[in-house]
Amino acid sequence: MNRRFEALPAAQRDEFQRRVIDRKRPPGLSQAIRKAEGKTSRRSANHRHRKASELALDVLVAEVPELVLGIADLTRPTTPGPRA
């Protein structure tokens, strides 16, 4: 690799190798997915899609810190807030 990479602590090099070079999933991802499924399926009848998504992502982000998220919310907010 290069000197900068080699200067990193072993744990950081290993994590970088897993995430960026090897593109491997984290070891606990399967368990996190099952946990997220359980958390959302119990509540899905009472929650809208956004809330179910939030509950699932809370579990997954804890296990997959490299997960990049975004939202394209093109609807107007339903709660009053500051007006521009």
N, C-alpha and C. Protein backbone atom coordinates (compact mmCIF):
# COMPACT_ATOMS: atom_id res chain seq x y z
N MET A 1 0.85 -1.18 0.00
CA MET A 1 0.00 0.00 0.00
C MET A 1 0.90 1.24 0.00
N ASN A 2 0.69 2.13 0.97
CA ASN A 2 1.56 3.29 1.05
C ASN A 2 1.95 3.54 2.51
N ARG A 3 2.86 4.46 2.71
CA ARG A 3 3.38 4.72 4.06
C ARG A 3 2.30 5.22 5.00
N ARG A 4 1.42 6.06 4.51
CA ARG A 4 0.35 6.60 5.37
C ARG A 4 -0.56 5.47 5.87
N PHE A 5 -0.93 4.59 4.98
CA PHE A 5 -1.77 3.45 5.37
C PHE A 5 -1.03 2.55 6.35
N GLU A 6 0.21 2.27 6.06
CA GLU A 6 1.01 1.39 6.92
C GLU A 6 1.26 2.00 8.30
N ALA A 7 1.18 3.33 8.42
CA ALA A 7 1.40 4.00 9.69
C ALA A 7 0.17 3.92 10.61
N LEU A 8 -0.98 3.56 10.06
CA LEU A 8 -2.18 3.44 10.88
C LEU A 8 -2.05 2.28 11.87
N PRO A 9 -2.74 2.38 13.01
CA PRO A 9 -2.79 1.23 13.92
C PRO A 9 -3.41 0.02 13.21
N ALA A 10 -3.03 -1.15 13.63
CA ALA A 10 -3.47 -2.39 12.98
C ALA A 10 -4.99 -2.49 12.90
N ALA A 11 -5.69 -2.10 13.95
CA ALA A 11 -7.16 -2.20 13.95
C ALA A 11 -7.76 -1.31 12.87
N GLN A 12 -7.23 -0.10 12.70
CA GLN A 12 -7.74 0.79 11.66
C GLN A 12 -7.41 0.27 10.27
N ARG A 13 -6.23 -0.28 10.10
CA ARG A 13 -5.87 -0.86 8.80
C ARG A 13 -6.80 -2.01 8.46
N ASP A 14 -7.05 -2.87 9.43
CA ASP A 14 -7.93 -4.02 9.20
C ASP A 14 -9.35 -3.57 8.84
N GLU A 15 -9.85 -2.56 9.56
CA GLU A 15 -11.21 -2.08 9.29
C GLU A 15 -11.27 -1.42 7.92
N PHE A 16 -10.27 -0.64 7.56
CA PHE A 16 -10.22 -0.02 6.23
C PHE A 16 -10.17 -1.10 5.17
N GLN A 17 -9.36 -2.10 5.38
CA GLN A 17 -9.24 -3.22 4.44
C GLN A 17 -10.60 -3.88 4.24
N ARG A 18 -11.32 -4.14 5.34
CA ARG A 18 -12.63 -4.80 5.26
C ARG A 18 -13.63 -3.92 4.51
N ARG A 19 -13.71 -2.64 4.89
CA ARG A 19 -14.73 -1.76 4.32
C ARG A 19 -14.46 -1.34 2.89
N VAL A 20 -13.24 -0.88 2.63
CA VAL A 20 -12.96 -0.22 1.36
C VAL A 20 -12.33 -1.14 0.32
N ILE A 21 -11.37 -1.91 0.73
CA ILE A 21 -10.64 -2.72 -0.24
C ILE A 21 -11.37 -4.04 -0.53
N ASP A 22 -11.68 -4.78 0.54
CA ASP A 22 -12.34 -6.08 0.36
C ASP A 22 -13.85 -5.96 0.19
N ARG A 23 -14.43 -4.84 0.64
CA ARG A 23 -15.87 -4.61 0.58
C ARG A 23 -16.67 -5.74 1.23
N LYS A 24 -16.20 -6.16 2.40
CA LYS A 24 -16.89 -7.22 3.13
C LYS A 24 -17.88 -6.61 4.11
N ARG A 25 -18.93 -7.34 4.34
CA ARG A 25 -19.94 -6.91 5.30
C ARG A 25 -19.42 -7.12 6.72
N PRO A 26 -19.92 -6.32 7.67
CA PRO A 26 -19.49 -6.52 9.06
C PRO A 26 -19.98 -7.86 9.58
N PRO A 27 -19.25 -8.45 10.52
CA PRO A 27 -19.60 -9.80 11.00
C PRO A 27 -20.98 -9.91 11.63
N GLY A 28 -21.50 -8.87 12.27
CA GLY A 28 -22.79 -8.98 12.94
C GLY A 28 -23.97 -8.51 12.12
N LEU A 29 -23.79 -8.34 10.82
CA LEU A 29 -24.85 -7.77 9.99
C LEU A 29 -26.09 -8.67 9.93
N SER A 30 -25.92 -9.96 9.79
CA SER A 30 -27.09 -10.86 9.71
C SER A 30 -27.95 -10.77 10.96
N GLN A 31 -27.29 -10.75 12.13
CA GLN A 31 -28.04 -10.63 13.38
C GLN A 31 -28.74 -9.28 13.48
N ALA A 32 -28.07 -8.23 13.01
CA ALA A 32 -28.68 -6.90 13.04
C ALA A 32 -29.91 -6.84 12.14
N ILE A 33 -29.84 -7.47 10.98
CA ILE A 33 -30.99 -7.49 10.07
C ILE A 33 -32.16 -8.22 10.71
N ARG A 34 -31.89 -9.35 11.33
CA ARG A 34 -32.97 -10.08 12.01
C ARG A 34 -33.57 -9.24 13.14
N LYS A 35 -32.72 -8.52 13.86
CA LYS A 35 -33.20 -7.67 14.94
C LYS A 35 -34.07 -6.54 14.38
N ALA A 36 -33.62 -5.95 13.28
CA ALA A 36 -34.38 -4.87 12.65
C ALA A 36 -35.72 -5.38 12.14
N GLU A 37 -35.72 -6.57 11.55
CA GLU A 37 -36.97 -7.16 11.05
C GLU A 37 -37.94 -7.38 12.20
N GLY A 38 -37.44 -7.91 13.29
CA GLY A 38 -38.30 -8.14 14.45
C GLY A 38 -38.84 -6.85 15.02
N LYS A 39 -38.00 -5.85 15.06
CA LYS A 39 -38.41 -4.56 15.62
C LYS A 39 -39.48 -3.88 14.77
N THR A 40 -39.34 -3.99 13.47
CA THR A 40 -40.31 -3.31 12.59
C THR A 40 -41.55 -4.15 12.35
N SER A 41 -41.43 -5.47 12.28
CA SER A 41 -42.60 -6.29 11.98
C SER A 41 -43.60 -6.27 13.12
N ARG A 42 -43.12 -6.15 14.36
CA ARG A 42 -44.03 -6.08 15.50
C ARG A 42 -44.85 -4.80 15.48
N ARG A 43 -44.27 -3.76 14.93
CA ARG A 43 -44.91 -2.46 14.98
C ARG A 43 -45.46 -1.99 13.64
N SER A 44 -45.20 -2.70 12.58
CA SER A 44 -45.52 -2.19 11.25
C SER A 44 -46.99 -1.85 11.07
N ALA A 45 -47.87 -2.56 11.75
CA ALA A 45 -49.30 -2.26 11.61
C ALA A 45 -49.62 -0.89 12.20
N ASN A 46 -48.84 -0.46 13.17
CA ASN A 46 -49.11 0.80 13.85
C ASN A 46 -48.24 1.96 13.36
N HIS A 47 -47.27 1.67 12.54
CA HIS A 47 -46.35 2.72 12.11
C HIS A 47 -46.42 2.92 10.60
N ARG A 48 -46.19 4.15 10.21
CA ARG A 48 -46.09 4.44 8.79
C ARG A 48 -44.73 3.98 8.30
N HIS A 49 -44.54 4.05 7.01
CA HIS A 49 -43.30 3.58 6.40
C HIS A 49 -42.07 4.30 6.94
N ARG A 50 -42.17 5.60 7.13
CA ARG A 50 -41.01 6.36 7.60
C ARG A 50 -40.58 5.90 8.99
N LYS A 51 -41.54 5.66 9.86
CA LYS A 51 -41.20 5.23 11.21
C LYS A 51 -40.60 3.84 11.19
N ALA A 52 -41.15 2.96 10.40
CA ALA A 52 -40.59 1.61 10.28
C ALA A 52 -39.16 1.68 9.74
N SER A 53 -38.95 2.55 8.77
CA SER A 53 -37.62 2.74 8.20
C SER A 53 -36.66 3.27 9.27
N GLU A 54 -37.12 4.22 10.05
CA GLU A 54 -36.30 4.79 11.13
C GLU A 54 -35.90 3.71 12.14
N LEU A 55 -36.85 2.88 12.53
CA LEU A 55 -36.56 1.82 13.50
C LEU A 55 -35.53 0.83 12.95
N ALA A 56 -35.68 0.46 11.69
CA ALA A 56 -34.75 -0.48 11.08
C ALA A 56 -33.36 0.14 10.95
N LEU A 57 -33.30 1.39 10.53
CA LEU A 57 -32.00 2.04 10.35
C LEU A 57 -31.29 2.27 11.66
N ASP A 58 -32.02 2.51 12.75
CA ASP A 58 -31.39 2.65 14.06
C ASP A 58 -30.58 1.41 14.40
N VAL A 59 -31.12 0.25 14.09
CA VAL A 59 -30.44 -1.01 14.36
C VAL A 59 -29.27 -1.21 13.39
N LEU A 60 -29.51 -0.97 12.12
CA LEU A 60 -28.49 -1.24 11.10
C LEU A 60 -27.29 -0.29 11.17
N VAL A 61 -27.54 0.98 11.43
CA VAL A 61 -26.45 1.95 11.49
C VAL A 61 -25.50 1.62 12.63
N ALA A 62 -26.02 1.11 13.72
CA ALA A 62 -25.15 0.73 14.84
C ALA A 62 -24.19 -0.39 14.43
N GLU A 63 -24.62 -1.25 13.54
CA GLU A 63 -23.80 -2.38 13.11
C GLU A 63 -22.95 -2.07 11.88
N VAL A 64 -23.42 -1.17 11.05
CA VAL A 64 -22.74 -0.84 9.79
C VAL A 64 -22.45 0.66 9.77
N PRO A 65 -21.41 1.10 10.47
CA PRO A 65 -21.15 2.54 10.55
C PRO A 65 -20.82 3.18 9.22
N GLU A 66 -20.38 2.39 8.26
CA GLU A 66 -20.06 2.96 6.95
C GLU A 66 -21.28 3.16 6.07
N LEU A 67 -22.45 2.78 6.55
CA LEU A 67 -23.68 2.94 5.81
C LEU A 67 -23.95 4.42 5.55
N VAL A 68 -24.19 4.77 4.31
CA VAL A 68 -24.46 6.15 3.92
C VAL A 68 -25.96 6.27 3.66
N LEU A 69 -26.58 7.22 4.32
CA LEU A 69 -28.03 7.37 4.21
C LEU A 69 -28.38 8.75 3.69
N GLY A 70 -29.52 8.83 3.09
CA GLY A 70 -30.04 10.11 2.64
C GLY A 70 -31.52 9.98 2.41
N ILE A 71 -32.18 11.10 2.33
CA ILE A 71 -33.62 11.07 2.09
C ILE A 71 -33.98 12.20 1.13
N ALA A 72 -34.84 11.88 0.23
CA ALA A 72 -35.36 12.89 -0.68
C ALA A 72 -36.81 13.11 -0.30
N ASP A 73 -37.02 13.95 0.67
CA ASP A 73 -38.37 14.22 1.15
C ASP A 73 -38.94 15.40 0.39
N LEU A 74 -39.76 15.09 -0.58
CA LEU A 74 -40.30 16.13 -1.44
C LEU A 74 -41.69 16.59 -1.00
N THR A 75 -42.16 16.04 0.11
CA THR A 75 -43.48 16.44 0.60
C THR A 75 -43.33 17.58 1.60
N ARG A 76 -44.39 18.34 1.74
CA ARG A 76 -44.38 19.42 2.72
C ARG A 76 -44.46 18.84 4.12
N PRO A 77 -43.83 19.46 5.09
CA PRO A 77 -43.92 18.95 6.46
C PRO A 77 -45.35 19.04 6.98
N THR A 78 -45.71 18.10 7.82
CA THR A 78 -47.06 18.09 8.38
C THR A 78 -47.11 18.79 9.74
N THR A 79 -45.95 19.16 10.26
CA THR A 79 -45.90 19.87 11.53
C THR A 79 -45.52 21.31 11.28
N PRO A 80 -46.07 22.24 12.08
CA PRO A 80 -45.70 23.63 11.86
C PRO A 80 -44.23 23.86 12.20
N GLY A 81 -43.61 24.71 11.46
CA GLY A 81 -42.22 25.02 11.69
C GLY A 81 -41.89 26.38 11.14
N PRO A 82 -40.65 26.75 11.21
CA PRO A 82 -40.28 28.06 10.70
C PRO A 82 -40.49 28.16 9.18
N ARG A 83 -40.93 29.28 8.75
CA ARG A 83 -41.14 29.54 7.32
C ARG A 83 -39.99 30.35 6.79
N ALA A 84 -39.54 29.99 5.61
CA ALA A 84 -38.42 30.74 5.00
C ALA A 84 -38.92 31.93 4.23
